[in-house]
Amino acid sequence: MAKHSKLSVVPQITVRTRRAYFDFKFGQLHVRTAFPTTGGFDEGVTLFCLHSREGSSRSFARLLPEIADERSVYAPDLPGFGESDAAPSASCAEAAHAVSDLASDLRLRQIDVLGVGFGAAVALDLAAARPELVRRLVLIGTPPLDRIPPVKQQTLVLRVNADRAEEPWSKGALAHARLADIGSLALLDADPKTLAQQVGAFLKS
């Protein structure tokens, strides 16, 4: 009887997703999290995902499992959005402070940040205020160039093709940035695997 050769099987990484609440200065933040059960999140810097004014952490519900195979991922409802308590104002500075509180609560020394729209502005404020905390930025929909604070972090700007209001885009506002195009903000829902691959490749580079 012929012997069958044994094929090595690569174990499939299982990603766990859950929701939790964390304290910040003005109450509690509702946060969606994802991480591989193998502990593979230790292979990459923790990623925070910050939503637009029109969204909440739910915007990233399909993205989190796709990108969490090598790193832990946290998507908070920013203050006053989703299920999080509100801050006195809906400013970028207060939202950035809340995200900073979350990172401190989790005892993280460094994070990468992906921001969409308002979340991109919050990410930039956080990167400027705490450069030792924020390692890299991924921005989808940047604020007006005159409102971008000077940041030194490596940055990937994913420009929405359909939004010509973002033109002209000046690299001078983000000295260490690279530019790439995506179809639309709907990519967050329509094709999370593609976005995860694009973001993951930048964070590894």
Foldseek 3Di string as FASTA:
>chain_A
DDDDDDDDDDDDWDKDKDWDWDDADPGIKIKIKIATPVRLQVQAAEEEEEEAPVDALVLQVVQRRLQRSRHMYMYIGFAPGDPHHHDPDPDLLNSLRRVVVVCVVVVGQEYEYEYEHSGLLSNQNNCVVCVRHYAEYEYEHHDPLVSRDAHQHQYEYAYAPVPCVCPPPDCVSHVRYDYHYDHHSCCSPPPSNVVSVVVVVVRVD
